Amino acid sequence: MFTCSIVQIKESRLEIRRLLTVIFFLTTSISVAQTSKTIVSGRPGQAIAPVCVGKNVFQVETGFDISGTSSFPSEIYFAKPGLYTNRSQTYLNATLLRFGLGEKVEMHSGWEFRNDDYSLVDSLGVTQNSSVSGISFSSVGWRHTIMEGDGLIPSLAYQFSMKLNILTEEYKLNQIAPNINVAASSDITDNLTITINMGADWDGENPKQTAFYIFNVGYSLGDKFGIFVENYGSFNEKELLDMKYDGGMAFLINNDLQLDVLGGYGNYKGTTTWFASLGISWRVNFAEEEKKKTEPAETEIMPPPQM
């Protein structure tokens, strides 16, 4: 038994070493990718693409959202549906900062500032109004493109983020809150792309994680204009917790600047949600800027004098 235990320990250590070797290879693989000619933004929509911004590229993605929810308070048994309704309305600015450490690796940090207005009905049918505002979300993390696809062969990446407790008091977290996302996308045609995200999320309140999915279909209408539709939701080991639909469009002003608009709707388990967003994304390629500075200026060749 003692000899068997030693063998098991050695095998376990070997498996750990193999796993660490694989992780090290994935996270330090030499990149052969090239920075995209045009900006690739995570806006609009919920899904992330399995690509990074590119080495020495700094990218900002920001937008202004408005959303509302309504639900019937089930604890008021004597009330007819529609007579008493819980409502909330949110105004939100969400900003994501991204920087490419390599062509296939990037760091990012997300921030949200919001204002929530609540109109809640208590058990006696009395409406209570309240309002909360401040920094509601902050995070830091990285994304790594594992594989670049070609046509139906998907591109693949993973993203890890950790929610920070740099928040206004009303939005403070009680526990560690990581987020793990695996993204894959395939080009069905030259214009049609399908992107799928799946992962796990901890909200900072419940010690158990919830799983989530995002299914995105995007269609390019030329070099400057694109549209998409999306379905996404969350679930645990017992049931589906939430499900929403959204869609929108993006317009490329130039290779480094994009505008977008989005709208969505959800109606699940008695709660109705609507939301809209207007955003902008831009990037600065420091490698290109430095290259322009170091390139010799073209000298103009003067024509010979006329005789």
Foldseek 3Di string as FASTA:
>chain_A
DVVVVVVVVVVVVVVVVVVVVVVVCQVPPDDPDAADLFADDPPDDDDDALFARFAQKKKKKKKKKKKKKKFDDVLQPVDDPPPAIKMKIKIKMKMKIWHDNHRFKIKIKIWMWMKMWIWDADNVRDTDIDMDTWTQWIKIWMKGWRAPADAQRKTKIKIKMWIDQPIDPVRGAQATKMWIKIKIKHHPDPFKMKIKIKTWIDRRHDPDIKIKIKIKIKGDPPDFKIKIKIKMFIGDPPDTDFIKIKMWMKGHPDRFKIWIKMWIWGAPPRMTMIMIMTIMMGMDRVVVVVVVVPDDDDDDDDDDDDD
